[in-house]
Amino acid sequence: MCSPEPINCFPVLVNILSNTFLRLLNSTERFRVWSELLYVGENPGLKNHIFFGLFTYLLVLAAGLPPLFAMSNVEDYKVKGTSC
C-alpha cells in the first residue's frame, strides 16, 4: 500500500483510515489521494507560469556560475595551486 518513502506513506495511511471510518458509518462518500506535485488538471495555464518561472530562475543561475569558476581560478593562481 505504501512506498518506502515516508512522505508518501502518511497520506495513504490517512486515506485508508478515513475511508474505513466512513464505511463503518455507512457513508457513500470516499476520500481520494493522488501524488502529484501540483494538480494542474483544472488550470493548464498554471503549468506555463511554473515553467517560465523556473526557466527564468535557471537563466539567472547560469549567469552567475561563470564568475564563480573564474574566481576559483584566480584563487588557485594566487596560492600557486595546480589543477589536476
PDB file of N, CA and C in Angstrom:
ATOM      1  N   MET A   1       0.815  -1.202   0.000  1.00  0.00           N
ATOM      2  CA  MET A   1       0.000   0.000   0.000  1.00  0.00           C
ATOM      3  C   MET A   1       0.851   1.256   0.000  1.00  0.00           C
ATOM      4  N   CYS A   2       2.027   1.170   0.588  1.00  0.00           N
ATOM      5  CA  CYS A   2       2.817   2.354   0.851  1.00  0.00           C
ATOM      6  C   CYS A   2       4.205   2.193   0.244  1.00  0.00           C
ATOM      7  N   SER A   3       4.705   3.222  -0.394  1.00  0.00           N
ATOM      8  CA  SER A   3       6.066   3.169  -0.920  1.00  0.00           C
ATOM      9  C   SER A   3       7.050   3.354   0.230  1.00  0.00           C
ATOM     10  N   PRO A   4       8.328   3.046   0.001  1.00  0.00           N
ATOM     11  CA  PRO A   4       9.298   3.167   1.099  1.00  0.00           C
ATOM     12  C   PRO A   4       9.560   4.600   1.541  1.00  0.00           C
ATOM     13  N   GLU A   5       9.137   5.561   0.758  1.00  0.00           N
ATOM     14  CA  GLU A   5       9.346   6.963   1.133  1.00  0.00           C
ATOM     15  C   GLU A   5       8.298   7.377   2.156  1.00  0.00           C
ATOM     16  N   PRO A   6       8.718   7.877   3.323  1.00  0.00           N
ATOM     17  CA  PRO A   6       7.734   8.217   4.364  1.00  0.00           C
ATOM     18  C   PRO A   6       6.834   9.381   3.981  1.00  0.00           C
ATOM     19  N   ILE A   7       7.266  10.224   3.033  1.00  0.00           N
ATOM     20  CA  ILE A   7       6.430  11.369   2.662  1.00  0.00           C
ATOM     21  C   ILE A   7       5.162  10.903   1.948  1.00  0.00           C
ATOM     22  N   ASN A   8       5.219   9.736   1.299  1.00  0.00           N
ATOM     23  CA  ASN A   8       4.041   9.209   0.622  1.00  0.00           C
ATOM     24  C   ASN A   8       3.213   8.311   1.519  1.00  0.00           C
ATOM     25  N   CYS A   9       3.805   7.812   2.571  1.00  0.00           N
ATOM     26  CA  CYS A   9       3.135   6.824   3.413  1.00  0.00           C
ATOM     27  C   CYS A   9       2.023   7.444   4.262  1.00  0.00           C
ATOM     28  N   PHE A  10       2.258   8.601   4.860  1.00  0.00           N
ATOM     29  CA  PHE A  10       1.271   9.186   5.764  1.00  0.00           C
ATOM     30  C   PHE A  10      -0.045   9.536   5.064  1.00  0.00           C
ATOM     31  N   PRO A  11      -0.027  10.201   3.877  1.00  0.00           N
ATOM     32  CA  PRO A  11      -1.313  10.473   3.229  1.00  0.00           C
ATOM     33  C   PRO A  11      -2.078   9.206   2.851  1.00  0.00           C
ATOM     34  N   VAL A  12      -1.372   8.156   2.457  1.00  0.00           N
ATOM     35  CA  VAL A  12      -2.045   6.902   2.114  1.00  0.00           C
ATOM     36  C   VAL A  12      -2.666   6.288   3.359  1.00  0.00           C
ATOM     37  N   LEU A  13      -1.933   6.322   4.458  1.00  0.00           N
ATOM     38  CA  LEU A  13      -2.462   5.785   5.714  1.00  0.00           C
ATOM     39  C   LEU A  13      -3.703   6.549   6.171  1.00  0.00           C
ATOM     40  N   VAL A  14      -3.663   7.876   6.094  1.00  0.00           N
ATOM     41  CA  VAL A  14      -4.822   8.690   6.475  1.00  0.00           C
ATOM     42  C   VAL A  14      -5.997   8.391   5.556  1.00  0.00           C
ATOM     43  N   ASN A  15      -5.729   8.207   4.267  1.00  0.00           N
ATOM     44  CA  ASN A  15      -6.790   7.889   3.322  1.00  0.00           C
ATOM     45  C   ASN A  15      -7.445   6.552   3.660  1.00  0.00           C
ATOM     46  N   ILE A  16      -6.644   5.540   3.963  1.00  0.00           N
ATOM     47  CA  ILE A  16      -7.192   4.217   4.302  1.00  0.00           C
ATOM     48  C   ILE A  16      -8.025   4.287   5.571  1.00  0.00           C
ATOM     49  N   LEU A  17      -7.489   4.964   6.592  1.00  0.00           N
ATOM     50  CA  LEU A  17      -8.241   5.075   7.856  1.00  0.00           C
ATOM     51  C   LEU A  17      -9.530   5.874   7.680  1.00  0.00           C
ATOM     52  N   SER A  18      -9.466   6.959   6.939  1.00  0.00           N
ATOM     53  CA  SER A  18     -10.659   7.789   6.744  1.00  0.00           C
ATOM     54  C   SER A  18     -11.737   7.032   5.991  1.00  0.00           C
ATOM     55  N   ASN A  19     -11.348   6.324   4.936  1.00  0.00           N
ATOM     56  CA  ASN A  19     -12.340   5.559   4.181  1.00  0.00           C
ATOM     57  C   ASN A  19     -12.892   4.398   4.995  1.00  0.00           C
ATOM     58  N   THR A  20     -12.066   3.822   5.866  1.00  0.00           N
ATOM     59  CA  THR A  20     -12.562   2.751   6.744  1.00  0.00           C
ATOM     60  C   THR A  20     -13.609   3.288   7.708  1.00  0.00           C
ATOM     61  N   PHE A  21     -13.333   4.438   8.319  1.00  0.00           N
ATOM     62  CA  PHE A  21     -14.315   5.040   9.235  1.00  0.00           C
ATOM     63  C   PHE A  21     -15.590   5.450   8.497  1.00  0.00           C
ATOM     64  N   LEU A  22     -15.455   5.938   7.278  1.00  0.00           N
ATOM     65  CA  LEU A  22     -16.645   6.294   6.511  1.00  0.00           C
ATOM     66  C   LEU A  22     -17.494   5.059   6.201  1.00  0.00           C
ATOM     67  N   ARG A  23     -16.850   3.934   5.886  1.00  0.00           N
ATOM     68  CA  ARG A  23     -17.602   2.707   5.625  1.00  0.00           C
ATOM     69  C   ARG A  23     -18.301   2.213   6.893  1.00  0.00           C
ATOM     70  N   LEU A  24     -17.615   2.364   8.045  1.00  0.00           N
ATOM     71  CA  LEU A  24     -18.236   1.931   9.303  1.00  0.00           C
ATOM     72  C   LEU A  24     -19.486   2.752   9.626  1.00  0.00           C
ATOM     73  N   LEU A  25     -19.499   4.005   9.181  1.00  0.00           N
ATOM     74  CA  LEU A  25     -20.657   4.872   9.420  1.00  0.00           C
ATOM     75  C   LEU A  25     -21.679   4.814   8.292  1.00  0.00           C
ATOM     76  N   ASN A  26     -21.537   3.836   7.386  1.00  0.00           N
ATOM     77  CA  ASN A  26     -22.451   3.613   6.273  1.00  0.00           C
ATOM     78  C   ASN A  26     -22.563   4.828   5.351  1.00  0.00           C
ATOM     79  N   SER A  27     -21.454   5.466   5.116  1.00  0.00           N
ATOM     80  CA  SER A  27     -21.434   6.615   4.217  1.00  0.00           C
ATOM     81  C   SER A  27     -21.087   6.147   2.804  1.00  0.00           C
ATOM     82  N   THR A  28     -21.617   6.849   1.821  1.00  0.00           N
ATOM     83  CA  THR A  28     -21.303   6.518   0.424  1.00  0.00           C
ATOM     84  C   THR A  28     -20.165   7.371  -0.119  1.00  0.00           C
ATOM     85  N   GLU A  29     -19.732   8.342   0.647  1.00  0.00           N
ATOM     86  CA  GLU A  29     -18.640   9.220   0.210  1.00  0.00           C
ATOM     87  C   GLU A  29     -17.288   8.553   0.468  1.00  0.00           C
ATOM     88  N   ARG A  30     -16.281   8.912  -0.354  1.00  0.00           N
ATOM     89  CA  ARG A  30     -14.931   8.383  -0.196  1.00  0.00           C
ATOM     90  C   ARG A  30     -13.917   9.503  -0.389  1.00  0.00           C
ATOM     91  N   PHE A  31     -12.759   9.358   0.252  1.00  0.00           N
ATOM     92  CA  PHE A  31     -11.638  10.266   0.032  1.00  0.00           C
ATOM     93  C   PHE A  31     -10.764   9.703  -1.077  1.00  0.00           C
ATOM     94  N   ARG A  32     -10.197  10.594  -1.864  1.00  0.00           N
ATOM     95  CA  ARG A  32      -9.249  10.182  -2.900  1.00  0.00           C
ATOM     96  C   ARG A  32      -7.933  10.911  -2.667  1.00  0.00           C
ATOM     97  N   VAL A  33      -6.828  10.205  -2.890  1.00  0.00           N
ATOM     98  CA  VAL A  33      -5.495  10.786  -2.733  1.00  0.00           C
ATOM     99  C   VAL A  33      -4.740  10.578  -4.035  1.00  0.00           C
ATOM    100  N   TRP A  34      -4.079  11.623  -4.506  1.00  0.00           N
ATOM    101  CA  TRP A  34      -3.221  11.485  -5.678  1.00  0.00           C
ATOM    102  C   TRP A  34      -1.871  12.090  -5.350  1.00  0.00           C
ATOM    103  N   SER A  35      -0.851  11.584  -5.995  1.00  0.00           N
ATOM    104  CA  SER A  35       0.501  12.060  -5.698  1.00  0.00           C
ATOM    105  C   SER A  35       1.068  12.784  -6.918  1.00  0.00           C
ATOM    106  N   GLU A  36       0.762  14.043  -7.001  1.00  0.00           N
ATOM    107  CA  GLU A  36       1.336  14.923  -8.000  1.00  0.00           C
ATOM    108  C   GLU A  36       1.842  16.144  -7.248  1.00  0.00           C
ATOM    109  N   LEU A  37       2.902  16.749  -7.772  1.00  0.00           N
ATOM    110  CA  LEU A  37       3.447  17.927  -7.112  1.00  0.00           C
ATOM    111  C   LEU A  37       2.399  19.034  -7.056  1.00  0.00           C
ATOM    112  N   LEU A  38       1.830  19.348  -8.195  1.00  0.00           N
ATOM    113  CA  LEU A  38       0.759  20.331  -8.277  1.00  0.00           C
ATOM    114  C   LEU A  38      -0.326  19.771  -9.178  1.00  0.00           C
ATOM    115  N   TYR A  39      -1.540  19.871  -8.764  1.00  0.00           N
ATOM    116  CA  TYR A  39      -2.640  19.398  -9.589  1.00  0.00           C
ATOM    117  C   TYR A  39      -3.023  20.517 -10.544  1.00  0.00           C
ATOM    118  N   VAL A  40      -2.662  20.359 -11.818  1.00  0.00           N
ATOM    119  CA  VAL A  40      -2.903  21.421 -12.807  1.00  0.00           C
ATOM    120  C   VAL A  40      -3.940  20.988 -13.840  1.00  0.00           C
ATOM    121  N   GLY A  41      -4.730  19.972 -13.514  1.00  0.00           N
ATOM    122  CA  GLY A  41      -5.735  19.498 -14.450  1.00  0.00           C
ATOM    123  C   GLY A  41      -6.806  20.532 -14.734  1.00  0.00           C
ATOM    124  N   GLU A  42      -7.140  21.361 -13.762  1.00  0.00           N
ATOM    125  CA  GLU A  42      -8.181  22.361 -13.938  1.00  0.00           C
ATOM    126  C   GLU A  42      -7.663  23.637 -14.584  1.00  0.00           C
ATOM    127  N   ASN A  43      -6.364  23.940 -14.417  1.00  0.00           N
ATOM    128  CA  ASN A  43      -5.812  25.195 -14.909  1.00  0.00           C
ATOM    129  C   ASN A  43      -4.521  24.927 -15.678  1.00  0.00           C
ATOM    130  N   PRO A  44      -4.608  24.668 -16.999  1.00  0.00           N
ATOM    131  CA  PRO A  44      -3.391  24.377 -17.760  1.00  0.00           C
ATOM    132  C   PRO A  44      -2.462  25.585 -17.889  1.00  0.00           C
ATOM    133  N   GLY A  45      -2.958  26.792 -17.693  1.00  0.00           N
ATOM    134  CA  GLY A  45      -2.105  27.971 -17.760  1.00  0.00           C
ATOM    135  C   GLY A  45      -1.114  28.024 -16.607  1.00  0.00           C
ATOM    136  N   LEU A  46      -1.456  27.374 -15.502  1.00  0.00           N
ATOM    137  CA  LEU A  46      -0.561  27.337 -14.349  1.00  0.00           C
ATOM    138  C   LEU A  46       0.738  26.621 -14.689  1.00  0.00           C
ATOM    139  N   LYS A  47       0.652  25.581 -15.509  1.00  0.00           N
ATOM    140  CA  LYS A  47       1.839  24.845 -15.906  1.00  0.00           C
ATOM    141  C   LYS A  47       2.798  25.749 -16.686  1.00  0.00           C
ATOM    142  N   ASN A  48       2.270  26.619 -17.544  1.00  0.00           N
ATOM    143  CA  ASN A  48       3.114  27.547 -18.304  1.00  0.00           C
ATOM    144  C   ASN A  48       3.784  28.551 -17.378  1.00  0.00           C
ATOM    145  N   HIS A  49       3.057  29.062 -16.396  1.00  0.00           N
ATOM    146  CA  HIS A  49       3.638  30.026 -15.454  1.00  0.00           C
ATOM    147  C   HIS A  49       4.757  29.386 -14.640  1.00  0.00           C
ATOM    148  N   ILE A  50       4.549  28.156 -14.215  1.00  0.00           N
ATOM    149  CA  ILE A  50       5.583  27.450 -13.454  1.00  0.00           C
ATOM    150  C   ILE A  50       6.803  27.212 -14.324  1.00  0.00           C
ATOM    151  N   PHE A  51       6.584  26.790 -15.572  1.00  0.00           N
ATOM    152  CA  PHE A  51       7.706  26.529 -16.476  1.00  0.00           C
ATOM    153  C   PHE A  51       8.528  27.790 -16.715  1.00  0.00           C
ATOM    154  N   PHE A  52       7.876  28.896 -17.050  1.00  0.00           N
ATOM    155  CA  PHE A  52       8.623  30.114 -17.341  1.00  0.00           C
ATOM    156  C   PHE A  52       9.278  30.693 -16.083  1.00  0.00           C
ATOM    157  N   GLY A  53       8.677  30.510 -14.931  1.00  0.00           N
ATOM    158  CA  GLY A  53       9.309  30.949 -13.688  1.00  0.00           C
ATOM    159  C   GLY A  53      10.586  30.169 -13.406  1.00  0.00           C
ATOM    160  N   LEU A  54      10.510  28.844 -13.560  1.00  0.00           N
ATOM    161  CA  LEU A  54      11.705  28.030 -13.350  1.00  0.00           C
ATOM    162  C   LEU A  54      12.759  28.290 -14.418  1.00  0.00           C
ATOM    163  N   PHE A  55      12.323  28.520 -15.653  1.00  0.00           N
ATOM    164  CA  PHE A  55      13.259  28.821 -16.740  1.00  0.00           C
ATOM    165  C   PHE A  55      14.008  30.125 -16.460  1.00  0.00           C
ATOM    166  N   THR A  56      13.298  31.135 -15.991  1.00  0.00           N
ATOM    167  CA  THR A  56      13.936  32.415 -15.652  1.00  0.00           C
ATOM    168  C   THR A  56      14.914  32.230 -14.498  1.00  0.00           C
ATOM    169  N   TYR A  57      14.540  31.450 -13.514  1.00  0.00           N
ATOM    170  CA  TYR A  57      15.430  31.180 -12.378  1.00  0.00           C
ATOM    171  C   TYR A  57      16.712  30.498 -12.852  1.00  0.00           C
ATOM    172  N   LEU A  58      16.587  29.522 -13.753  1.00  0.00           N
ATOM    173  CA  LEU A  58      17.767  28.831 -14.260  1.00  0.00           C
ATOM    174  C   LEU A  58      18.646  29.748 -15.091  1.00  0.00           C
ATOM    175  N   LEU A  59      18.056  30.676 -15.830  1.00  0.00           N
ATOM    176  CA  LEU A  59      18.860  31.630 -16.598  1.00  0.00           C
ATOM    177  C   LEU A  59      19.679  32.521 -15.669  1.00  0.00           C
ATOM    178  N   VAL A  60      19.078  32.990 -14.595  1.00  0.00           N
ATOM    179  CA  VAL A  60      19.804  33.821 -13.628  1.00  0.00           C
ATOM    180  C   VAL A  60      20.909  33.004 -12.965  1.00  0.00           C
ATOM    181  N   LEU A  61      20.606  31.757 -12.635  1.00  0.00           N
ATOM    182  CA  LEU A  61      21.608  30.886 -12.031  1.00  0.00           C
ATOM    183  C   LEU A  61      22.768  30.635 -12.992  1.00  0.00           C
ATOM    184  N   ALA A  62      22.455  30.394 -14.266  1.00  0.00           N
ATOM    185  CA  ALA A  62      23.501  30.145 -15.260  1.00  0.00           C
ATOM    186  C   ALA A  62      24.362  31.382 -15.481  1.00  0.00           C
ATOM    187  N   ALA A  63      23.788  32.567 -15.336  1.00  0.00           N
ATOM    188  CA  ALA A  63      24.570  33.794 -15.498  1.00  0.00           C
ATOM    189  C   ALA A  63      25.536  33.991 -14.333  1.00  0.00           C
ATOM    190  N   GLY A  64      25.253  33.426 -13.186  1.00  0.00           N
ATOM    191  CA  GLY A  64      26.112  33.610 -12.023  1.00  0.00           C
ATOM    192  C   GLY A  64      27.196  32.557 -11.875  1.00  0.00           C
ATOM    193  N   LEU A  65      27.124  31.465 -12.629  1.00  0.00           N
ATOM    194  CA  LEU A  65      28.116  30.407 -12.475  1.00  0.00           C
ATOM    195  C   LEU A  65      29.484  30.722 -13.088  1.00  0.00           C
ATOM    196  N   PRO A  66      29.605  31.298 -14.285  1.00  0.00           N
ATOM    197  CA  PRO A  66      30.941  31.549 -14.846  1.00  0.00           C
ATOM    198  C   PRO A  66      31.837  32.421 -13.962  1.00  0.00           C
ATOM    199  N   PRO A  67      31.347  33.495 -13.325  1.00  0.00           N
ATOM    200  CA  PRO A  67      32.232  34.235 -12.425  1.00  0.00           C
ATOM    201  C   PRO A  67      32.721  33.398 -11.248  1.00  0.00           C
ATOM    202  N   LEU A  68      31.920  32.452 -10.802  1.00  0.00           N
ATOM    203  CA  LEU A  68      32.332  31.581  -9.710  1.00  0.00           C
ATOM    204  C   LEU A  68      33.545  30.752 -10.120  1.00  0.00           C
ATOM    205  N   PHE A  69      33.527  30.198 -11.330  1.00  0.00           N
ATOM    206  CA  PHE A  69      34.664  29.420 -11.810  1.00  0.00           C
ATOM    207  C   PHE A  69      35.885  30.310 -12.030  1.00  0.00           C
ATOM    208  N   ALA A  70      35.672  31.530 -12.523  1.00  0.00           N
ATOM    209  CA  ALA A  70      36.786  32.447 -12.740  1.00  0.00           C
ATOM    210  C   ALA A  70      37.445  32.814 -11.413  1.00  0.00           C
ATOM    211  N   MET A  71      36.671  33.065 -10.380  1.00  0.00           N
ATOM    212  CA  MET A  71      37.236  33.411  -9.078  1.00  0.00           C
ATOM    213  C   MET A  71      38.017  32.230  -8.492  1.00  0.00           C
ATOM    214  N   SER A  72      37.550  31.029  -8.747  1.00  0.00           N
ATOM    215  CA  SER A  72      38.261  29.844  -8.277  1.00  0.00           C
ATOM    216  C   SER A  72      39.627  29.764  -8.937  1.00  0.00           C
ATOM    217  N   ASN A  73      39.688  30.052 -10.231  1.00  0.00           N
ATOM    218  CA  ASN A  73      40.968  30.014 -10.941  1.00  0.00           C
ATOM    219  C   ASN A  73      41.898  31.109 -10.456  1.00  0.00           C
ATOM    220  N   VAL A  74      41.375  32.290 -10.140  1.00  0.00           N
ATOM    221  CA  VAL A  74      42.204  33.384  -9.637  1.00  0.00           C
ATOM    222  C   VAL A  74      42.787  33.006  -8.276  1.00  0.00           C
ATOM    223  N   GLU A  75      41.981  32.400  -7.418  1.00  0.00           N
ATOM    224  CA  GLU A  75      42.468  31.968  -6.111  1.00  0.00           C
ATOM    225  C   GLU A  75      43.566  30.911  -6.262  1.00  0.00           C
ATOM    226  N   ASP A  76      43.397  29.979  -7.196  1.00  0.00           N
ATOM    227  CA  ASP A  76      44.429  28.979  -7.441  1.00  0.00           C
ATOM    228  C   ASP A  76      45.725  29.637  -7.911  1.00  0.00           C
ATOM    229  N   TYR A  77      45.600  30.647  -8.731  1.00  0.00           N
ATOM    230  CA  TYR A  77      46.783  31.347  -9.231  1.00  0.00           C
ATOM    231  C   TYR A  77      47.508  32.076  -8.093  1.00  0.00           C
ATOM    232  N   LYS A  78      46.729  32.668  -7.178  1.00  0.00           N
ATOM    233  CA  LYS A  78      47.337  33.411  -6.066  1.00  0.00           C
ATOM    234  C   LYS A  78      48.143  32.494  -5.140  1.00  0.00           C
ATOM    235  N   VAL A  79      47.605  31.320  -4.870  1.00  0.00           N
ATOM    236  CA  VAL A  79      48.302  30.404  -3.960  1.00  0.00           C
ATOM    237  C   VAL A  79      49.220  29.442  -4.717  1.00  0.00           C
ATOM    238  N   LYS A  80      49.356  29.666  -6.018  1.00  0.00           N
ATOM    239  CA  LYS A  80      50.190  28.852  -6.893  1.00  0.00           C
ATOM    240  C   LYS A  80      49.795  27.366  -6.826  1.00  0.00           C
ATOM    241  N   GLY A  81      48.483  27.151  -6.857  1.00  0.00           N
ATOM    242  CA  GLY A  81      47.962  25.798  -6.842  1.00  0.00           C
ATOM    243  C   GLY A  81      47.938  25.237  -8.260  1.00  0.00           C
ATOM    244  N   THR A  82      48.007  23.930  -8.358  1.00  0.00           N
ATOM    245  CA  THR A  82      47.930  23.288  -9.672  1.00  0.00           C
ATOM    246  C   THR A  82      46.615  22.553  -9.747  1.00  0.00           C
ATOM    247  N   SER A  83      46.049  22.528 -10.925  1.00  0.00           N
ATOM    248  CA  SER A  83      44.800  21.796 -11.112  1.00  0.00           C
ATOM    249  C   SER A  83      45.116  20.420 -11.673  1.00  0.00           C
ATOM    250  N   CYS A  84      44.281  19.473 -11.323  1.00  0.00           N
ATOM    251  CA  CYS A  84      44.509  18.089 -11.746  1.00  0.00           C
ATOM    252  C   CYS A  84      44.070  17.867 -13.163  1.00  0.00           C
TER     253      CYS A  84
END
